[in-house]
Amino acid sequence: MIGKILKRLFALLILLTATTVIATIAAIEGQWIWFTCTAIAWSIIFFSIKRKYRHNAQKVAFLFDSIDNGDQAFRYAEQGVSSTDKMVNMSLNRIYKILFQAKAEIIQKEKYYELIMNSVNTGIVVIDDRGYVFQTNKEALRLLGINVFTHVSQLIQIDDTLAETVRNIHAGEKHQVSFSNERGTIHLLLQVSEMLLKDKQVRIIAMNDINNELDEKEIDSWIRLTRVLTHEIMNSITPITSLSETMITKHSNNSEVCDGLQVINTTGKGLISFVESYRRFTHIPTPKPELFYVEEFLERMKQLAYHQKNQPNINIEINVNPNDLLVYADESLTSQVVLNLLKNAFEAIENQDNGLIRINAYSNQSEAIIIEVINNGPSIPQEVKEHIFVPFFTTKEQGSGIGLSVSRQIMRLSGGSISLKNDEAGNTCFTITFP
């Protein structure tokens, strides 16, 4: 088909050349009639070739415009035209089909790769040397806490150190960076690679949330330390307590000695009881998850909390959406976590006349079950928030500093998490999450 078109074009060019030669000879010999006729013939052939070229060039341009616009109905007529136009149109239709299919495959691959990027738990950001963002995925936006990310300068609103790190990090480097937002303190590990994209050198930054890894290492360290301390203290105190009891019976007639031994014995027993409370942190049983209804469970927790803390000035509201929300977890261990949060909430607002505790339970977009315990008491200072889950840390005179640590350990063993933040109204909000 293309061969026929080329043959016709070649024939026209031969005719154009022949008329040029004849017109030139006629002009030299003074044969003006022949010159005029050949000149007219030359003009007709030349403008015919030019018109055909322009017409076909317009067809090709229109073809590419249709591909750019994604016009699937595009097609040149193959019937009712000259044989030459028919061959050209058939060729262009074939070219359009090939190019359109290639473009469709590229678009499909882009959607496929974008779907993969949005399915991974690693944040991906592609930026150029000027800080403009070429591409990002949903996980990166979630980790950074923003909806749209177009330039590195946006990170200044989140944290100056984060913006500076992302702007200056180079290929092959790894950096840890931390910042705070409404979800608490975020710890990110940044890793960078480089590539050439559309004639521009770009950096591909992978962001990984290492909060869980850091929490696990911290908890493991505290567990090892607590086990060593409790073991050594128990080994030292138990013999003292036992000996003091024996000495009390032998010196019962000497009141002064007996009183001193009684103080030693009582102090030893108090220390043993204190150490036993910390043993709970290192000897939490393995969770045995099962399905149970969240609303019924929270109603029981509400009644137990009122039974433990009889304070009529405090009201507890429960909001579960949907009403038949189910969670797959160890109900007994989960009750320890919720009751501890309710106990802390009671203590935070016990002196208020309008104390309110709200318990919200719902399922998020990832189908994780979220339970929030919110109280309208005084806000927790930032310096306290940073250490509130650390074992032995407490701001209460009679507190052991073990309740929230045990709660975090329970949630860790259950595959979930517990965090502290402020809600939209600025109230203290503890959030427990079950995947």
Protein backbone atom coordinates (compact mmCIF):
# COMPACT_ATOMS: atom_id res chain seq x y z
CA MET A 1 0.00 0.00 0.00
CA ILE A 2 2.74 2.43 0.94
CA GLY A 3 4.66 1.27 -2.15
CA LYS A 4 1.83 2.35 -4.43
CA ILE A 5 1.66 5.78 -2.83
CA LEU A 6 5.42 6.20 -3.24
CA LYS A 7 5.25 5.11 -6.89
CA ARG A 8 2.58 7.73 -7.63
CA LEU A 9 4.59 10.40 -5.83
CA PHE A 10 7.70 9.31 -7.76
CA ALA A 11 5.78 9.54 -11.05
CA LEU A 12 4.60 13.07 -10.24
CA LEU A 13 8.16 14.09 -9.40
CA ILE A 14 9.37 12.68 -12.73
CA LEU A 15 6.66 14.65 -14.53
CA LEU A 16 7.61 17.77 -12.62
CA THR A 17 11.26 17.28 -13.56
CA ALA A 18 10.38 16.60 -17.23
CA THR A 19 8.22 19.71 -17.55
CA THR A 20 10.98 21.74 -15.93
CA VAL A 21 13.50 20.49 -18.50
CA ILE A 22 11.10 21.05 -21.45
CA ALA A 23 10.19 24.56 -20.26
CA THR A 24 13.87 25.41 -19.87
CA ILE A 25 14.75 24.17 -23.40
CA ALA A 26 11.72 25.97 -24.88
CA ALA A 27 12.74 29.21 -23.22
CA ILE A 28 16.31 28.89 -24.52
CA GLU A 29 15.15 28.20 -28.11
CA GLY A 30 12.46 30.87 -27.99
CA GLN A 31 9.55 28.42 -28.33
CA TRP A 32 7.22 30.46 -26.13
CA ILE A 33 4.08 28.49 -26.93
CA TRP A 34 5.76 25.30 -25.72
CA PHE A 35 7.19 27.19 -22.78
CA THR A 36 3.76 28.50 -21.80
CA CYS A 37 2.12 25.07 -22.07
CA THR A 38 4.85 23.31 -20.11
CA ALA A 39 4.89 26.10 -17.52
CA ILE A 40 1.13 25.66 -16.99
CA ALA A 41 1.58 21.88 -16.76
CA TRP A 42 4.48 22.38 -14.29
CA SER A 43 2.35 24.68 -12.14
CA ILE A 44 -0.54 22.20 -12.10
CA ILE A 45 1.76 19.32 -11.10
CA PHE A 46 3.63 21.41 -8.47
CA PHE A 47 0.48 22.74 -6.79
CA SER A 48 -1.07 19.27 -6.92
CA ILE A 49 1.92 17.84 -5.05
CA LYS A 50 1.88 20.77 -2.61
CA ARG A 51 -1.87 20.44 -1.98
CA LYS A 52 -1.55 16.71 -1.47
CA TYR A 53 1.38 17.21 0.93
CA ARG A 54 -0.47 19.88 2.90
CA HIS A 55 -3.62 17.79 3.00
CA ASN A 56 -1.77 14.72 4.28
CA ALA A 57 0.26 16.81 6.74
CA GLN A 58 -3.00 18.17 8.17
CA LYS A 59 -4.30 14.61 8.44
CA VAL A 60 -1.21 13.54 10.38
CA ALA A 61 -1.43 16.58 12.67
CA PHE A 62 -5.13 15.90 13.29
CA LEU A 63 -4.28 12.26 14.05
CA PHE A 64 -1.79 13.23 16.78
CA ASP A 65 -4.21 15.78 18.23
CA SER A 66 -6.83 13.05 18.49
CA ILE A 67 -4.36 10.77 20.29
CA ASP A 68 -3.50 13.55 22.76
CA ASN A 69 -7.21 14.18 23.42
CA GLY A 70 -7.98 10.46 23.77
CA ASP A 71 -10.58 10.52 20.98
CA GLN A 72 -11.54 6.85 20.62
CA ALA A 73 -14.03 7.61 17.81
CA PHE A 74 -11.35 8.99 15.49
CA ARG A 75 -11.21 7.34 12.06
CA TYR A 76 -10.54 8.53 8.48
CA ALA A 77 -12.98 7.48 5.77
CA GLU A 78 -11.88 4.49 3.73
CA GLN A 79 -14.90 4.49 1.42
CA GLY A 80 -16.05 7.09 -1.11
CA VAL A 81 -12.59 8.58 -1.61
CA SER A 82 -9.94 8.25 -4.28
CA SER A 83 -7.72 5.20 -4.27
CA THR A 84 -4.75 7.30 -3.15
CA ASP A 85 -6.70 8.87 -0.27
CA LYS A 86 -8.04 5.47 0.63
CA MET A 87 -4.54 4.06 0.96
CA VAL A 88 -3.37 7.07 2.99
CA ASN A 89 -6.42 6.95 5.25
CA MET A 90 -6.05 3.22 5.86
CA SER A 91 -2.39 3.71 6.76
CA LEU A 92 -3.18 6.60 9.11
CA ASN A 93 -6.00 4.63 10.76
CA ARG A 94 -3.60 1.78 11.35
CA ILE A 95 -0.96 4.13 12.78
CA TYR A 96 -3.60 5.71 15.03
CA LYS A 97 -4.69 2.31 16.34
CA ILE A 98 -1.10 1.32 17.16
CA LEU A 99 -0.25 4.64 18.86
CA PHE A 100 -3.54 4.84 20.76
CA GLN A 101 -3.10 1.29 22.04
CA ALA A 102 0.48 2.08 23.09
CA LYS A 103 -0.70 5.18 24.96
CA ALA A 104 -3.49 3.21 26.62
CA GLU A 105 -0.98 0.58 27.78
CA ILE A 106 1.29 3.30 29.20
CA ILE A 107 -1.64 4.87 31.09
CA GLN A 108 -2.66 1.44 32.39
CA LYS A 109 0.90 0.76 33.57
CA GLU A 110 1.03 4.15 35.29
CA LYS A 111 -2.21 3.37 37.13
CA TYR A 112 -0.83 -0.06 38.01
CA TYR A 113 2.38 1.41 39.45
CA GLU A 114 0.41 4.13 41.24
CA LEU A 115 -1.81 1.45 42.80
CA ILE A 116 1.27 -0.43 43.96
CA MET A 117 2.75 2.77 45.42
CA ASN A 118 -0.47 3.50 47.32
CA SER A 119 -0.63 -0.08 48.63
CA VAL A 120 2.77 -0.16 50.33
CA ASN A 121 3.39 0.92 53.92
CA THR A 122 6.32 3.07 52.86
CA GLY A 123 5.88 6.74 51.98
CA ILE A 124 7.33 7.66 48.58
CA VAL A 125 8.16 11.22 47.51
CA VAL A 126 9.88 12.12 44.21
CA ILE A 127 11.40 15.63 44.14
CA ASP A 128 13.75 17.55 41.86
CA ASP A 129 16.73 19.75 42.76
CA ARG A 130 14.49 22.81 43.14
CA GLY A 131 12.27 21.06 45.68
CA TYR A 132 9.25 20.52 43.42
CA VAL A 133 7.38 17.28 44.02
CA PHE A 134 6.87 15.10 40.94
CA GLN A 135 4.98 12.30 42.64
CA THR A 136 3.92 11.09 46.06
CA ASN A 137 1.76 8.32 47.47
CA LYS A 138 -0.99 8.23 50.08
CA GLU A 139 1.25 6.82 52.81
CA ALA A 140 3.66 9.76 52.49
CA LEU A 141 0.78 12.23 52.81
CA ARG A 142 -0.52 10.32 55.85
CA LEU A 143 2.88 10.26 57.56
CA LEU A 144 3.40 13.97 56.93
CA GLY A 145 -0.18 14.82 57.91
CA ILE A 146 -0.97 16.84 54.77
CA ASN A 147 -3.46 16.45 51.92
CA VAL A 148 -1.45 18.00 49.07
CA PHE A 149 2.33 18.04 48.70
CA THR A 150 3.76 20.08 45.83
CA HIS A 151 6.97 21.62 47.21
CA VAL A 152 9.44 20.95 50.03
CA SER A 153 8.75 24.42 51.48
CA GLN A 154 5.36 23.12 52.69
CA LEU A 155 7.22 21.01 55.27
CA ILE A 156 8.28 24.18 57.13
CA GLN A 157 4.72 24.40 58.46
CA ILE A 158 5.16 20.93 59.96
CA ASP A 159 8.72 21.11 61.28
CA ASP A 160 11.80 23.17 60.29
CA THR A 161 14.18 20.26 60.86
CA LEU A 162 12.06 17.97 58.68
CA ALA A 163 12.04 20.52 55.83
CA GLU A 164 15.80 21.05 56.10
CA THR A 165 16.51 17.32 56.14
CA VAL A 166 14.34 16.57 53.10
CA ARG A 167 15.83 19.52 51.20
CA ASN A 168 19.47 18.54 51.82
CA ILE A 169 19.46 14.75 52.01
CA HIS A 170 21.50 13.07 49.25
CA ALA A 171 21.35 9.72 47.46
CA GLY A 172 22.53 6.78 49.56
CA GLU A 173 22.01 8.60 52.85
CA LYS A 174 19.75 7.60 55.75
CA HIS A 175 18.37 10.00 58.31
CA GLN A 176 16.05 9.75 61.28
CA VAL A 177 13.83 12.75 61.91
CA SER A 178 11.14 13.36 64.52
CA PHE A 179 8.33 15.88 64.68
CA SER A 180 5.01 16.31 66.48
CA ASN A 181 1.52 16.70 65.10
CA GLU A 182 -2.05 15.94 66.19
CA ARG A 183 -1.24 12.19 66.13
CA GLY A 184 1.62 12.63 68.60
CA THR A 185 5.35 12.33 68.04
CA ILE A 186 6.27 10.86 64.64
CA HIS A 187 9.64 9.19 64.04
CA LEU A 188 10.58 8.75 60.38
CA LEU A 189 13.48 6.97 58.72
CA LEU A 190 14.37 8.64 55.39
CA GLN A 191 16.28 6.79 52.65
CA VAL A 192 17.17 8.36 49.29
CA SER A 193 18.03 7.19 45.79
CA GLU A 194 18.44 9.13 42.52
CA MET A 195 17.43 8.69 38.90
CA LEU A 196 16.98 10.63 35.65
CA LEU A 197 13.30 11.39 34.96
CA LYS A 198 12.23 13.42 31.91
CA ASP A 199 15.77 14.79 31.51
CA LYS A 200 15.77 15.92 35.15
CA GLN A 201 17.73 14.51 38.05
CA VAL A 202 15.27 13.59 40.78
CA ARG A 203 15.53 12.12 44.26
CA ILE A 204 13.26 9.32 45.43
CA ILE A 205 12.75 9.61 49.19
CA ALA A 206 11.37 6.57 51.04
CA MET A 207 9.75 7.35 54.41
CA ASN A 208 9.18 4.65 57.01
CA ASP A 209 7.37 5.11 60.31
CA ILE A 210 9.66 3.61 62.96
CA ASN A 211 7.48 4.50 65.97
CA ASN A 212 6.56 0.87 66.56
CA GLU A 213 10.16 -0.29 66.22
CA LEU A 214 11.35 2.34 68.69
CA ASP A 215 8.50 1.52 71.09
CA GLU A 216 9.29 -2.18 70.95
CA LYS A 217 12.98 -1.61 71.64
CA GLU A 218 12.13 0.74 74.50
CA ILE A 219 9.63 -1.69 76.01
CA ASP A 220 12.04 -4.61 75.68
CA SER A 221 14.74 -2.58 77.44
CA TRP A 222 12.38 -1.66 80.27
CA ILE A 223 11.25 -5.27 80.61
CA ARG A 224 14.83 -6.54 80.91
CA LEU A 225 15.67 -3.81 83.42
CA THR A 226 12.53 -4.44 85.47
CA ARG A 227 13.15 -8.17 85.59
CA VAL A 228 16.69 -7.63 86.86
CA LEU A 229 15.61 -5.08 89.46
CA THR A 230 12.67 -7.09 90.77
CA HIS A 231 14.78 -10.24 90.94
CA GLU A 232 17.56 -8.55 92.90
CA ILE A 233 15.19 -6.66 95.20
CA MET A 234 13.12 -9.77 95.94
CA ASN A 235 16.24 -11.79 96.66
CA SER A 236 17.39 -9.15 99.13
CA ILE A 237 14.09 -8.25 100.82
CA THR A 238 12.51 -11.70 101.24
CA PRO A 239 15.18 -13.00 103.68
CA ILE A 240 14.99 -9.74 105.67
CA THR A 241 11.22 -10.03 106.00
CA SER A 242 11.44 -13.69 106.99
CA LEU A 243 14.18 -13.08 109.55
CA SER A 244 12.36 -10.10 111.05
CA GLU A 245 9.24 -12.25 111.61
CA THR A 246 11.36 -14.90 113.33
CA MET A 247 13.12 -12.30 115.51
CA ILE A 248 9.78 -10.76 116.52
CA THR A 249 8.65 -14.06 118.03
CA LYS A 250 11.97 -14.48 119.89
CA HIS A 251 12.02 -10.93 121.29
CA SER A 252 8.35 -10.49 122.03
CA ASN A 253 9.21 -9.54 125.63
CA ASN A 254 11.39 -6.62 124.55
CA SER A 255 8.97 -4.02 123.25
CA GLU A 256 11.64 -1.67 121.92
CA VAL A 257 13.35 -4.37 119.86
CA CYS A 258 10.00 -5.81 118.84
CA ASP A 259 8.78 -2.42 117.57
CA GLY A 260 11.96 -1.93 115.53
CA LEU A 261 11.67 -5.40 114.00
CA GLN A 262 7.99 -4.74 113.25
CA VAL A 263 8.94 -1.58 111.32
CA ILE A 264 11.51 -3.56 109.34
CA ASN A 265 9.00 -6.32 108.63
CA THR A 266 6.24 -3.92 107.57
CA THR A 267 8.61 -1.94 105.35
CA GLY A 268 9.88 -5.14 103.75
CA LYS A 269 6.37 -6.39 103.03
CA GLY A 270 5.45 -3.01 101.57
CA LEU A 271 8.51 -3.13 99.32
CA ILE A 272 7.66 -6.68 98.24
CA SER A 273 4.12 -5.58 97.37
CA PHE A 274 5.56 -2.64 95.46
CA VAL A 275 7.90 -4.91 93.48
CA GLU A 276 5.07 -7.35 92.76
CA SER A 277 3.13 -4.56 91.05
CA TYR A 278 6.07 -4.08 88.67
CA ARG A 279 6.23 -7.78 87.94
CA ARG A 280 2.88 -7.40 86.20
CA PHE A 281 4.67 -5.32 83.56
CA THR A 282 6.97 -8.21 82.65
CA HIS A 283 4.52 -11.11 83.07
CA ILE A 284 1.50 -10.19 80.97
CA PRO A 285 -0.19 -13.36 79.69
CA THR A 286 -0.35 -14.14 75.98
CA PRO A 287 -3.55 -12.60 74.53
CA LYS A 288 -6.32 -15.01 73.54
CA PRO A 289 -8.38 -12.99 71.08
CA GLU A 290 -12.03 -13.59 70.33
CA LEU A 291 -14.85 -11.60 68.78
CA PHE A 292 -17.03 -9.51 71.10
CA TYR A 293 -19.41 -6.56 70.73
CA VAL A 294 -17.79 -3.24 71.57
CA GLU A 295 -20.93 -1.47 72.84
CA GLU A 296 -21.80 -4.19 75.37
CA PHE A 297 -18.18 -4.32 76.49
CA LEU A 298 -17.99 -0.56 77.04
CA GLU A 299 -21.24 -0.53 78.99
CA ARG A 300 -19.74 -3.10 81.38
CA MET A 301 -16.57 -1.00 81.68
CA LYS A 302 -18.72 2.03 82.49
CA GLN A 303 -20.49 0.21 85.33
CA LEU A 304 -17.22 -1.13 86.72
CA ALA A 305 -15.65 2.34 86.61
CA TYR A 306 -18.60 3.84 88.55
CA HIS A 307 -18.33 0.98 91.04
CA GLN A 308 -14.61 1.66 91.62
CA LYS A 309 -14.97 5.46 91.64
CA ASN A 310 -18.34 6.49 93.00
CA GLN A 311 -18.40 10.10 91.84
CA PRO A 312 -21.88 11.30 90.76
CA ASN A 313 -20.45 14.61 89.48
CA ILE A 314 -18.84 12.76 86.55
CA ASN A 315 -20.85 11.63 83.54
CA ILE A 316 -19.72 8.95 81.05
CA GLU A 317 -21.05 9.05 77.49
CA ILE A 318 -20.61 6.10 75.11
CA ASN A 319 -20.83 6.51 71.33
CA VAL A 320 -20.37 3.38 69.20
CA ASN A 321 -20.70 3.52 65.42
CA PRO A 322 -22.11 1.21 64.16
CA ASN A 323 -24.03 -0.22 67.11
CA ASP A 324 -23.05 -3.79 66.21
CA LEU A 325 -19.31 -2.99 66.02
CA LEU A 326 -17.16 -6.07 66.71
CA VAL A 327 -13.53 -6.30 67.76
CA TYR A 328 -11.22 -9.31 67.67
CA ALA A 329 -9.12 -9.08 70.85
CA ASP A 330 -8.57 -10.51 74.32
CA GLU A 331 -11.54 -9.12 76.24
CA SER A 332 -9.95 -9.60 79.67
CA LEU A 333 -6.73 -7.79 78.79
CA THR A 334 -8.61 -5.07 76.90
CA SER A 335 -10.74 -4.45 79.97
CA GLN A 336 -7.55 -3.75 81.97
CA VAL A 337 -6.55 -1.11 79.44
CA VAL A 338 -9.96 0.60 79.29
CA LEU A 339 -10.48 0.52 83.06
CA ASN A 340 -7.05 2.04 83.62
CA LEU A 341 -7.86 4.86 81.18
CA LEU A 342 -11.22 5.45 82.88
CA LYS A 343 -9.52 5.47 86.30
CA ASN A 344 -7.03 8.08 85.09
CA ALA A 345 -9.85 10.13 83.56
CA PHE A 346 -11.80 10.04 86.85
CA GLU A 347 -8.73 11.27 88.73
CA ALA A 348 -8.17 14.07 86.21
CA ILE A 349 -11.68 15.54 86.61
CA GLU A 350 -12.68 14.42 90.12
CA ASN A 351 -12.70 18.02 91.41
CA GLN A 352 -14.86 19.37 88.56
CA ASP A 353 -18.60 19.92 88.90
CA ASN A 354 -19.29 19.15 85.23
CA GLY A 355 -16.83 16.31 84.66
CA LEU A 356 -17.41 14.48 81.40
CA ILE A 357 -15.81 11.34 79.96
CA ARG A 358 -16.64 10.43 76.36
CA ILE A 359 -15.88 6.99 74.94
CA ASN A 360 -16.02 6.83 71.15
CA ALA A 361 -15.66 3.59 69.22
CA TYR A 362 -15.61 3.26 65.44
CA SER A 363 -13.87 1.67 62.48
CA ASN A 364 -11.49 3.78 60.38
CA GLN A 365 -10.77 3.60 56.63
CA SER A 366 -8.26 0.79 57.19
CA GLU A 367 -10.96 -1.19 59.03
CA ALA A 368 -9.04 -0.89 62.29
CA ILE A 369 -11.14 -0.59 65.46
CA ILE A 370 -10.57 2.66 67.34
CA ILE A 371 -11.62 3.31 70.95
CA GLU A 372 -11.12 6.84 72.28
CA VAL A 373 -11.35 7.81 75.96
CA ILE A 374 -11.71 11.59 76.24
CA ASN A 375 -12.09 13.73 79.37
CA ASN A 376 -12.65 17.47 79.75
CA GLY A 377 -10.06 17.88 82.49
CA PRO A 378 -6.92 20.05 82.43
CA SER A 379 -4.58 19.46 79.49
CA ILE A 380 -1.53 17.32 80.14
CA PRO A 381 1.69 19.40 79.85
CA GLN A 382 3.92 18.60 76.89
CA GLU A 383 6.84 17.59 79.12
CA VAL A 384 4.58 15.02 80.81
CA LYS A 385 3.17 13.71 77.52
CA GLU A 386 6.64 12.74 76.36
CA HIS A 387 7.14 10.38 79.32
CA ILE A 388 3.63 9.29 80.17
CA PHE A 389 4.08 5.72 78.86
CA VAL A 390 7.52 5.27 80.46
CA PRO A 391 7.55 2.69 83.28
CA PHE A 392 7.95 4.14 86.81
CA PHE A 393 7.06 7.66 85.59
CA THR A 394 4.17 9.25 87.50
CA THR A 395 2.95 12.69 88.58
CA LYS A 396 0.79 11.29 91.40
CA GLU A 397 1.98 11.15 94.99
CA GLN A 398 0.64 7.62 95.49
CA GLY A 399 1.09 6.45 91.90
CA SER A 400 3.31 3.56 90.86
CA GLY A 401 3.81 4.73 87.27
CA ILE A 402 2.95 1.28 85.94
CA GLY A 403 -0.67 1.55 84.73
CA LEU A 404 -0.10 3.13 81.31
CA SER A 405 3.09 1.10 80.81
CA VAL A 406 1.14 -2.11 81.33
CA SER A 407 -1.59 -0.82 79.02
CA ARG A 408 0.94 -0.13 76.28
CA GLN A 409 2.49 -3.56 76.75
CA ILE A 410 -0.95 -5.20 76.50
CA MET A 411 -1.73 -3.33 73.30
CA ARG A 412 1.67 -4.22 71.88
CA LEU A 413 1.14 -7.93 72.57
CA SER A 414 -2.34 -7.61 71.03
CA GLY A 415 -0.85 -6.20 67.83
CA GLY A 416 -2.40 -2.79 68.45
CA SER A 417 -1.29 0.52 69.90
CA ILE A 418 -2.17 3.17 72.45
CA SER A 419 -1.47 6.88 72.03
CA LEU A 420 -2.18 10.24 73.62
CA LYS A 421 -3.33 13.36 71.81
CA ASN A 422 -5.72 16.29 72.15
CA ASP A 423 -9.03 16.26 70.30
CA GLU A 424 -10.39 19.20 68.28
CA ALA A 425 -11.67 20.88 71.46
CA GLY A 426 -8.28 20.51 73.19
CA ASN A 427 -9.45 17.77 75.57
CA THR A 428 -7.17 14.92 76.61
CA CYS A 429 -7.78 11.90 74.36
CA PHE A 430 -6.29 8.42 74.78
CA THR A 431 -6.68 6.27 71.67
CA ILE A 432 -6.37 2.50 71.53
CA THR A 433 -6.23 0.87 68.11
CA PHE A 434 -6.87 -2.74 67.15
CA PRO A 435 -5.78 -3.68 63.59
